[in-house]
Amino acid sequence: MPETASLFPESDALKPLAERMRPRSFDEIVGQPRLTAADSPLRRALEAGKVHSMVLWGPPGCGKTTLALLVARYADADFRAISAVLSGLPDVRKALAEAEANFAQGRRTVLFVDEVHRFNKAQQDAFLPHIERGVIVFVGATTENPSFELNSALLSRCRVHVLEAVSAEAIVAALERALADDERGLGRLRLRIDVDSLKLIAQAADGDVRRALTLLEIAAELADDGRIDEATLTQVLADRTRRFDKGGEQFYDQISALHKSVRSSDPDAAVYWLCRMLDGGCDPLYLARRMTRMAVEDVGLAEPRAWRMALDAWDTYERLGSPEGELGLAQLAIWLAIAPKSNAAYMAYNKARAAVRETGTLEVPMHLRNAPTKLMKGLGYGKGYQYDHDVAGGIALDQQCLPDALDGTVFYEPVDRGLEQKLREKMILLRASRGRKP
């Protein structure tokens, strides 16, 4: 294996603990066994010197930068890193020019692009010819779904490797290693901290190893006589937040989880995901709007009061604000989850829309047309119309209301739940009376 002194320098006290403890080998990486285990395809390929351009997709602190460094290590290549947050097209061109110079001298360059999803299409396209010619081994890191954020031309030239948020157990192992390491870690301080306290730090890190090591480093600085106790952790962990990106995939994953928990009639999950989104800074009015949609789309006519309750909860939040108004949203989430469900009206609407698109401008039956003038009456407008209130039973059962081409078509099919159970019974009777299939 090539020497890597330039990539992994000796311990530097000025560097943060998380940087000093950055893994130097696959065996030191925690929490990604699918990619880093001894028998994993990626590890076997890299250890055999078969490097390839790739996109590393995963949450913060899961090991994307470390894997990029290891790619350079096993490729015996120069490592060049740029950030899409801080760099523009001139920076990209400069990095590629340096890679071209290396290539002319028979050296490969691993070009690591952090937050690559922040580059626009033109910036992403700049890498393509250099990847194709082998001038660079491209390694892009992103916290966002590459399918949505990267153009297809770049994706077609890279393999996507998915990294997971690191488990609390794996983070505890990383913390224990840092506490025991005399060279790069905190071993020389001989800190005293119990396993339960390490678990608290790991949980607060929320899947982010870098964050966990930073919290441990802060705790070490505050420790009294080398002991990290409950009082110290209270200070360090006082302001912790969960992963949440108001415009990213996690946002849409969580609103999807809330909606599907309601649809699955799981009130515990529904109120949990609501709180997760509120905790992450989601606009409560957005949640009110989305739950109103759930009331209309998924509860529907099985429990029409849900619609009114959704609007009332929305109005309550606008009047009370946070935090009091959030209780109204929580009650709504629980109610929607418990309520009987029906998407029959939603499906009927979609079927009717499809029929409108497919059948075009069908004529209104003559007996249903309005006849405000003598001419229109003379042409037969309104002729034969039966005023239902004057008919025995209040329904003109033999009166056709759909266009001729759609007569007998069924759009609305009530389910056998909640209020729609009663509506279903009535629809069966009405259709039978009209000589149609129930």
Protein backbone atom coordinates (compact mmCIF):
# COMPACT_ATOMS: atom_id res chain seq x y z
CA MET A 1 0.00 0.00 0.00
CA PRO A 2 1.46 3.46 -0.88
CA GLU A 3 2.74 5.90 1.72
CA THR A 4 0.12 8.44 2.73
CA ALA A 5 1.91 10.98 4.90
CA SER A 6 0.58 13.87 2.81
CA LEU A 7 -2.98 12.65 3.09
CA PHE A 8 -2.98 11.67 6.75
CA PRO A 9 -0.52 13.91 8.65
CA GLU A 10 0.60 13.24 12.17
CA SER A 11 -1.51 14.45 15.08
CA ASP A 12 -1.83 18.20 15.23
CA ALA A 13 -3.06 19.70 18.49
CA LEU A 14 -4.50 22.69 16.64
CA LYS A 15 -6.89 20.51 14.67
CA PRO A 16 -10.30 19.57 16.09
CA LEU A 17 -10.64 16.11 17.59
CA ALA A 18 -12.95 15.00 14.78
CA GLU A 19 -10.28 15.81 12.20
CA ARG A 20 -7.48 14.18 14.21
CA MET A 21 -9.54 11.01 14.61
CA ARG A 22 -10.48 10.78 10.95
CA PRO A 23 -10.15 7.06 10.03
CA ARG A 24 -6.97 6.13 8.19
CA SER A 25 -8.20 2.74 7.00
CA PHE A 26 -11.39 0.86 6.27
CA ASP A 27 -11.13 -0.91 9.60
CA GLU A 28 -11.36 2.38 11.50
CA ILE A 29 -14.57 3.49 9.78
CA VAL A 30 -17.64 2.88 11.93
CA GLY A 31 -21.24 2.41 10.95
CA GLN A 32 -20.92 1.55 7.24
CA PRO A 33 -20.37 -2.24 7.13
CA ARG A 34 -22.15 -2.61 3.79
CA LEU A 35 -19.45 -0.51 2.13
CA THR A 36 -16.40 -1.08 4.33
CA ALA A 37 -16.57 -4.70 5.50
CA ALA A 38 -13.70 -6.91 4.36
CA ASP A 39 -15.88 -8.70 1.81
CA SER A 40 -17.72 -5.63 0.50
CA PRO A 41 -17.45 -4.99 -3.28
CA LEU A 42 -16.27 -1.38 -2.81
CA ARG A 43 -13.49 -2.28 -0.40
CA ARG A 44 -12.32 -5.24 -2.48
CA ALA A 45 -12.24 -3.06 -5.61
CA LEU A 46 -10.26 -0.28 -3.96
CA GLU A 47 -7.82 -2.64 -2.27
CA ALA A 48 -7.21 -4.22 -5.68
CA GLY A 49 -6.41 -0.77 -7.10
CA LYS A 50 -9.60 -0.65 -9.19
CA VAL A 51 -10.86 2.85 -8.49
CA HIS A 52 -13.85 4.41 -10.16
CA SER A 53 -15.63 7.73 -10.17
CA MET A 54 -18.44 7.79 -7.66
CA VAL A 55 -21.05 9.80 -5.83
CA LEU A 56 -21.27 9.29 -2.07
CA TRP A 57 -24.77 9.99 -0.82
CA GLY A 58 -25.46 10.19 2.88
CA PRO A 59 -26.17 12.45 5.87
CA PRO A 60 -23.55 14.67 7.52
CA GLY A 61 -20.79 12.98 9.50
CA CYS A 62 -21.25 9.49 8.05
CA GLY A 63 -17.80 9.17 6.41
CA LYS A 64 -18.06 10.60 2.88
CA THR A 65 -14.87 12.68 3.05
CA THR A 66 -13.00 9.83 4.70
CA LEU A 67 -13.97 7.43 1.91
CA ALA A 68 -12.81 9.97 -0.67
CA LEU A 69 -9.43 10.15 1.05
CA LEU A 70 -9.20 6.37 1.04
CA VAL A 71 -9.96 6.30 -2.68
CA ALA A 72 -6.93 8.55 -3.23
CA ARG A 73 -4.85 6.41 -0.91
CA TYR A 74 -5.58 3.15 -2.69
CA ALA A 75 -5.29 4.77 -6.12
CA ASP A 76 -1.87 6.21 -5.23
CA ALA A 77 -3.27 9.52 -6.52
CA ASP A 78 -3.08 13.16 -5.56
CA PHE A 79 -6.06 14.38 -3.58
CA ARG A 80 -7.72 17.67 -4.47
CA ALA A 81 -10.84 18.89 -2.67
CA ILE A 82 -13.23 21.68 -3.53
CA SER A 83 -16.54 22.66 -1.96
CA ALA A 84 -19.55 23.53 -4.08
CA VAL A 85 -20.61 25.90 -1.31
CA LEU A 86 -17.43 27.99 -1.55
CA SER A 87 -16.27 27.38 -5.13
CA GLY A 88 -17.45 28.64 -8.50
CA LEU A 89 -16.68 27.68 -12.09
CA PRO A 90 -13.23 29.39 -12.01
CA ASP A 91 -12.26 27.21 -9.03
CA VAL A 92 -13.48 24.11 -10.87
CA ARG A 93 -11.42 25.04 -13.95
CA LYS A 94 -8.33 25.65 -11.81
CA ALA A 95 -8.68 22.25 -10.11
CA LEU A 96 -9.17 20.55 -13.48
CA ALA A 97 -6.13 22.35 -14.94
CA GLU A 98 -4.00 21.05 -12.05
CA ALA A 99 -5.37 17.56 -12.70
CA GLU A 100 -4.45 17.90 -16.40
CA ALA A 101 -0.89 18.81 -15.44
CA ASN A 102 -0.70 15.77 -13.17
CA PHE A 103 -2.13 13.57 -15.90
CA ALA A 104 0.50 14.76 -18.37
CA GLN A 105 3.15 13.61 -15.88
CA GLY A 106 1.52 10.22 -15.41
CA ARG A 107 -0.18 11.02 -12.09
CA ARG A 108 -3.85 10.57 -11.33
CA THR A 109 -5.92 13.01 -9.30
CA VAL A 110 -8.85 12.20 -7.08
CA LEU A 111 -11.04 15.29 -7.24
CA PHE A 112 -13.36 15.42 -4.25
CA VAL A 113 -16.34 17.75 -4.64
CA ASP A 114 -18.17 18.30 -1.37
CA GLU A 115 -21.87 19.27 -1.50
CA VAL A 116 -21.79 18.59 -5.25
CA HIS A 117 -25.57 18.98 -5.47
CA ARG A 118 -25.08 22.74 -5.04
CA PHE A 119 -23.34 23.01 -8.42
CA ASN A 120 -25.59 23.93 -11.35
CA LYS A 121 -25.76 21.98 -14.60
CA ALA A 122 -22.97 23.95 -16.32
CA GLN A 123 -20.63 23.42 -13.39
CA GLN A 124 -21.45 19.71 -13.24
CA ASP A 125 -20.93 19.35 -17.00
CA ALA A 126 -17.40 20.75 -16.66
CA PHE A 127 -16.26 17.48 -15.07
CA LEU A 128 -17.57 15.17 -17.79
CA PRO A 129 -14.75 15.14 -20.37
CA HIS A 130 -12.11 14.84 -17.65
CA ILE A 131 -13.88 11.84 -16.13
CA GLU A 132 -14.20 10.20 -19.55
CA ARG A 133 -10.49 10.64 -20.36
CA GLY A 134 -9.40 9.41 -16.94
CA VAL A 135 -7.80 12.74 -16.01
CA ILE A 136 -9.66 12.65 -12.70
CA VAL A 137 -11.27 10.10 -10.48
CA PHE A 138 -14.35 12.07 -9.54
CA VAL A 139 -15.75 11.65 -6.03
CA GLY A 140 -18.80 13.76 -5.27
CA ALA A 141 -20.38 13.97 -1.84
CA THR A 142 -24.00 14.94 -1.33
CA THR A 143 -26.60 14.92 1.40
CA GLU A 144 -29.38 15.16 -1.20
CA ASN A 145 -30.85 12.50 -3.47
CA PRO A 146 -28.57 12.44 -6.54
CA SER A 147 -31.48 11.39 -8.74
CA PHE A 148 -32.99 14.83 -8.21
CA GLU A 149 -29.93 17.04 -7.73
CA LEU A 150 -27.33 15.76 -10.23
CA ASN A 151 -27.71 15.75 -13.97
CA SER A 152 -28.04 12.42 -15.74
CA ALA A 153 -24.81 12.85 -17.72
CA LEU A 154 -22.74 13.04 -14.54
CA LEU A 155 -24.64 10.20 -12.87
CA SER A 156 -24.11 7.95 -15.88
CA ARG A 157 -20.34 8.25 -15.42
CA CYS A 158 -20.35 7.55 -11.68
CA ARG A 159 -21.45 4.82 -9.33
CA VAL A 160 -23.67 5.95 -6.49
CA HIS A 161 -22.78 4.57 -3.05
CA VAL A 162 -25.33 5.15 -0.30
CA LEU A 163 -24.09 5.77 3.25
CA GLU A 164 -26.37 5.53 6.27
CA ALA A 165 -26.62 7.65 9.38
CA VAL A 166 -24.27 6.04 11.89
CA SER A 167 -25.96 4.12 14.69
CA ALA A 168 -25.59 5.21 18.31
CA GLU A 169 -23.74 1.97 19.09
CA ALA A 170 -21.19 2.61 16.34
CA ILE A 171 -20.74 6.21 17.49
CA VAL A 172 -20.05 5.00 21.04
CA ALA A 173 -17.28 2.82 19.61
CA ALA A 174 -15.78 5.86 17.87
CA LEU A 175 -15.93 7.85 21.10
CA GLU A 176 -14.26 5.06 23.06
CA ARG A 177 -11.49 4.91 20.47
CA ALA A 178 -10.92 8.67 20.78
CA LEU A 179 -10.77 8.42 24.58
CA ALA A 180 -8.18 5.64 24.40
CA ASP A 181 -5.97 7.09 21.63
CA ASP A 182 -2.89 8.80 23.12
CA GLU A 183 -1.56 10.02 19.77
CA ARG A 184 -4.54 11.54 18.00
CA GLY A 185 -7.30 11.42 20.60
CA LEU A 186 -7.84 12.33 24.24
CA GLY A 187 -6.04 9.36 25.78
CA ARG A 188 -3.39 11.47 27.50
CA LEU A 189 -6.07 13.32 29.46
CA ARG A 190 -7.23 10.09 31.14
CA LEU A 191 -10.82 11.29 31.15
CA ARG A 192 -13.39 9.48 33.24
CA ILE A 193 -16.81 9.00 31.67
CA ASP A 194 -19.25 6.10 31.94
CA VAL A 195 -20.86 4.22 29.08
CA ASP A 196 -24.29 5.72 29.72
CA SER A 197 -22.85 9.20 29.27
CA LEU A 198 -21.21 8.14 26.02
CA LYS A 199 -24.59 6.86 24.86
CA LEU A 200 -26.13 10.25 25.62
CA ILE A 201 -23.51 11.96 23.48
CA ALA A 202 -24.07 9.41 20.70
CA GLN A 203 -27.81 9.95 20.77
CA ALA A 204 -27.38 13.72 20.74
CA ALA A 205 -25.10 13.42 17.72
CA ASP A 206 -28.04 12.02 15.75
CA GLY A 207 -26.06 9.75 13.43
CA ASP A 208 -23.16 12.20 12.91
CA VAL A 209 -19.78 10.89 14.10
CA ARG A 210 -18.09 14.25 13.57
CA ARG A 211 -20.68 15.93 15.73
CA ALA A 212 -20.27 13.31 18.47
CA LEU A 213 -16.51 13.83 18.60
CA THR A 214 -17.00 17.59 18.73
CA LEU A 215 -19.39 17.21 21.67
CA LEU A 216 -16.90 14.94 23.43
CA GLU A 217 -14.12 17.46 22.87
CA ILE A 218 -16.25 20.26 24.35
CA ALA A 219 -17.13 18.06 27.32
CA ALA A 220 -13.43 17.32 27.86
CA GLU A 221 -12.68 21.04 27.98
CA LEU A 222 -15.41 21.60 30.57
CA ALA A 223 -14.62 18.51 32.65
CA ASP A 224 -13.72 19.12 36.28
CA ASP A 225 -10.70 17.07 37.41
CA GLY A 226 -10.94 14.93 34.31
CA ARG A 227 -14.42 13.67 35.00
CA ILE A 228 -17.23 14.18 32.51
CA ASP A 229 -20.30 13.97 34.72
CA GLU A 230 -24.01 14.65 34.34
CA ALA A 231 -23.60 18.36 35.06
CA THR A 232 -21.00 18.68 32.31
CA LEU A 233 -23.17 16.86 29.79
CA THR A 234 -26.15 19.04 30.68
CA GLN A 235 -24.15 22.07 29.54
CA VAL A 236 -22.81 20.41 26.40
CA LEU A 237 -26.06 18.84 25.24
CA ALA A 238 -28.38 21.71 26.17
CA ASP A 239 -28.92 22.88 22.61
CA ARG A 240 -29.16 19.88 20.36
CA THR A 241 -31.13 19.63 17.15
CA ARG A 242 -32.16 16.77 14.93
CA ARG A 243 -31.28 16.44 11.24
CA PHE A 244 -33.79 18.37 9.19
CA ASP A 245 -33.43 20.20 5.90
CA LYS A 246 -36.36 22.48 5.15
CA GLY A 247 -35.86 22.16 1.42
CA GLY A 248 -34.19 18.79 1.13
CA GLU A 249 -34.98 15.12 1.00
CA GLN A 250 -35.26 14.67 4.77
CA PHE A 251 -38.04 17.26 4.77
CA TYR A 252 -40.00 15.35 2.14
CA ASP A 253 -39.24 12.00 3.75
CA GLN A 254 -40.68 13.21 7.04
CA ILE A 255 -43.83 14.79 5.61
CA SER A 256 -44.30 11.56 3.66
CA ALA A 257 -43.96 9.61 6.92
CA LEU A 258 -46.54 11.86 8.60
CA HIS A 259 -49.02 11.49 5.74
CA LYS A 260 -48.60 7.73 5.51
CA SER A 261 -48.88 7.31 9.29
CA VAL A 262 -52.23 9.11 9.19
CA ARG A 263 -53.33 7.00 6.23
CA SER A 264 -52.29 3.84 8.11
CA SER A 265 -54.36 4.89 11.16
CA ASP A 266 -51.32 5.03 13.47
CA PRO A 267 -51.87 8.03 15.79
CA ASP A 268 -48.65 7.41 17.73
CA ALA A 269 -46.53 7.58 14.58
CA ALA A 270 -48.53 10.54 13.26
CA VAL A 271 -47.94 12.70 16.35
CA TYR A 272 -44.27 11.61 16.45
CA TRP A 273 -43.57 12.73 12.88
CA LEU A 274 -45.49 15.94 13.47
CA CYS A 275 -43.25 16.69 16.47
CA ARG A 276 -40.14 15.74 14.51
CA MET A 277 -40.99 18.29 11.86
CA LEU A 278 -41.90 20.99 14.36
CA ASP A 279 -38.68 20.28 16.23
CA GLY A 280 -36.72 20.64 13.00
CA GLY A 281 -38.14 24.08 12.31
CA CYS A 282 -40.88 23.26 9.82
CA ASP A 283 -43.46 26.02 9.36
CA PRO A 284 -46.54 24.91 11.38
CA LEU A 285 -48.82 26.49 8.79
CA TYR A 286 -47.32 24.20 6.16
CA LEU A 287 -48.21 21.24 8.38
CA ALA A 288 -51.73 22.61 8.86
CA ARG A 289 -52.15 22.83 5.09
CA ARG A 290 -50.82 19.33 4.50
CA MET A 291 -53.07 17.81 7.18
CA THR A 292 -56.06 19.57 5.65
CA ARG A 293 -55.17 17.80 2.44
CA MET A 294 -55.04 14.50 4.36
CA ALA A 295 -58.53 15.18 5.72
CA VAL A 296 -59.84 15.71 2.21
CA GLU A 297 -57.86 13.03 0.39
CA ASP A 298 -57.58 10.16 2.86
CA VAL A 299 -60.38 10.59 5.42
CA GLY A 300 -62.85 12.00 2.94
CA LEU A 301 -66.55 11.32 3.33
CA ALA A 302 -65.94 8.46 5.75
CA GLU A 303 -65.71 11.23 8.39
CA PRO A 304 -66.60 14.65 6.92
CA ARG A 305 -66.01 16.35 10.30
CA ALA A 306 -62.26 15.81 9.79
CA TRP A 307 -62.26 18.45 7.07
CA ARG A 308 -63.85 21.00 9.40
CA MET A 309 -61.51 20.02 12.24
CA ALA A 310 -58.49 20.53 9.98
CA LEU A 311 -59.61 24.04 9.12
CA ASP A 312 -60.31 24.75 12.80
CA ALA A 313 -56.83 23.53 13.81
CA TRP A 314 -55.30 25.71 11.09
CA ASP A 315 -57.29 28.71 12.31
CA THR A 316 -56.38 27.94 15.94
CA TYR A 317 -52.68 28.01 15.16
CA GLU A 318 -53.00 31.31 13.31
CA ARG A 319 -54.78 32.80 16.35
CA LEU A 320 -52.55 31.34 19.09
CA GLY A 321 -49.19 30.88 17.39
CA SER A 322 -46.44 28.75 18.98
CA PRO A 323 -46.29 26.84 21.19
CA GLU A 324 -49.98 26.79 22.18
CA GLY A 325 -51.26 26.47 18.63
CA GLU A 326 -49.13 23.41 18.04
CA LEU A 327 -51.32 21.45 20.44
CA GLY A 328 -54.21 21.96 18.05
CA LEU A 329 -52.09 20.51 15.22
CA ALA A 330 -51.18 17.54 17.42
CA GLN A 331 -54.84 16.86 18.21
CA LEU A 332 -55.64 17.08 14.51
CA ALA A 333 -52.91 14.56 13.62
CA ILE A 334 -54.24 12.12 16.21
CA TRP A 335 -57.85 12.59 15.09
CA LEU A 336 -57.04 12.14 11.41
CA ALA A 337 -55.14 8.94 12.18
CA ILE A 338 -57.98 7.47 14.25
CA ALA A 339 -60.76 8.54 11.86
CA PRO A 340 -62.17 6.03 9.34
CA LYS A 341 -60.56 6.39 5.93
CA SER A 342 -61.91 6.70 2.44
CA ASN A 343 -60.37 7.98 -0.75
CA ALA A 344 -63.55 7.23 -2.70
CA ALA A 345 -64.33 10.91 -3.41
CA TYR A 346 -60.70 11.47 -4.41
CA MET A 347 -60.82 8.52 -6.78
CA ALA A 348 -64.18 9.63 -8.18
CA TYR A 349 -62.71 13.07 -8.91
CA ASN A 350 -59.73 11.54 -10.70
CA LYS A 351 -61.93 9.21 -12.76
CA ALA A 352 -64.22 12.09 -13.74
CA ARG A 353 -61.25 14.24 -14.73
CA ALA A 354 -59.89 11.42 -16.86
CA ALA A 355 -63.29 10.98 -18.53
CA VAL A 356 -63.40 14.70 -19.33
CA ARG A 357 -59.96 14.54 -20.95
CA GLU A 358 -60.72 11.39 -22.91
CA THR A 359 -64.26 12.15 -24.16
CA GLY A 360 -63.91 15.81 -25.01
CA THR A 361 -66.82 18.24 -25.22
CA LEU A 362 -69.86 16.01 -24.81
CA GLU A 363 -73.22 17.67 -25.20
CA VAL A 364 -75.42 18.40 -22.18
CA PRO A 365 -78.64 16.32 -22.50
CA MET A 366 -81.44 18.53 -23.84
CA HIS A 367 -83.71 18.06 -20.82
CA LEU A 368 -80.99 19.40 -18.47
CA ARG A 369 -80.33 22.55 -20.46
CA ASN A 370 -81.53 25.94 -19.29
CA ALA A 371 -84.20 27.58 -21.45
CA PRO A 372 -84.43 31.29 -20.61
CA THR A 373 -85.78 32.31 -24.07
CA LYS A 374 -88.68 31.26 -26.28
CA LEU A 375 -86.25 30.28 -29.02
CA MET A 376 -84.42 27.90 -26.75
CA LYS A 377 -87.68 26.41 -25.50
CA GLY A 378 -88.74 25.98 -29.11
CA LEU A 379 -85.54 24.11 -29.84
CA GLY A 380 -86.38 21.64 -27.08
CA TYR A 381 -84.13 23.02 -24.32
CA GLY A 382 -85.37 21.71 -20.97
CA LYS A 383 -88.09 19.57 -22.56
CA GLY A 384 -88.93 16.52 -20.49
CA TYR A 385 -87.04 17.69 -17.38
CA GLN A 386 -88.50 16.28 -14.16
CA TYR A 387 -88.35 18.51 -11.10
CA ASP A 388 -87.25 15.99 -8.48
CA HIS A 389 -89.04 17.66 -5.58
CA ASP A 390 -92.37 17.09 -7.34
CA VAL A 391 -91.69 13.40 -7.94
CA ALA A 392 -92.78 10.72 -5.47
CA GLY A 393 -89.83 9.92 -3.23
CA GLY A 394 -88.05 13.15 -4.24
CA ILE A 395 -85.89 11.49 -6.92
CA ALA A 396 -86.63 11.18 -10.63
CA LEU A 397 -85.11 7.72 -10.97
CA ASP A 398 -85.49 7.52 -14.76
CA GLN A 399 -83.89 10.91 -15.43
CA GLN A 400 -80.48 10.74 -17.17
CA CYS A 401 -77.98 13.33 -16.00
CA LEU A 402 -74.73 12.26 -17.69
CA PRO A 403 -74.06 12.80 -21.40
CA ASP A 404 -75.31 9.96 -23.60
CA ALA A 405 -71.79 8.61 -24.15
CA LEU A 406 -71.22 8.26 -20.39
CA ASP A 407 -74.67 7.14 -19.30
CA GLY A 408 -74.38 4.50 -16.60
CA THR A 409 -70.74 5.29 -15.80
CA VAL A 410 -69.85 4.96 -12.11
CA PHE A 411 -67.28 7.39 -10.73
CA TYR A 412 -68.05 7.36 -7.01
CA GLU A 413 -67.79 4.04 -5.19
CA PRO A 414 -68.17 4.55 -1.42
CA VAL A 415 -66.21 2.30 0.93
CA ASP A 416 -67.75 0.27 3.72
CA ARG A 417 -66.29 2.43 6.54
CA GLY A 418 -67.49 5.31 8.67
CA LEU A 419 -70.25 7.53 7.31
CA GLU A 420 -69.57 6.21 3.82
CA GLN A 421 -71.02 2.89 4.94
CA LYS A 422 -74.40 4.66 5.05
CA LEU A 423 -73.68 6.45 1.79
CA ARG A 424 -72.77 3.14 0.19
CA GLU A 425 -76.06 1.59 1.27
CA LYS A 426 -77.95 4.51 -0.24
CA MET A 427 -75.97 4.40 -3.49
CA ILE A 428 -76.71 0.68 -3.85
CA LEU A 429 -80.44 1.34 -3.47
CA LEU A 430 -80.40 4.29 -5.88
CA ARG A 431 -78.50 2.43 -8.55
CA ALA A 432 -80.71 -0.61 -8.18
CA SER A 433 -83.81 1.61 -8.53
CA ARG A 434 -82.35 3.04 -11.72
CA GLY A 435 -81.74 -0.43 -13.06
CA ARG A 436 -77.95 -0.14 -12.77
CA LYS A 437 -75.37 -2.35 -11.16
CA PRO A 438 -74.93 -1.50 -7.48
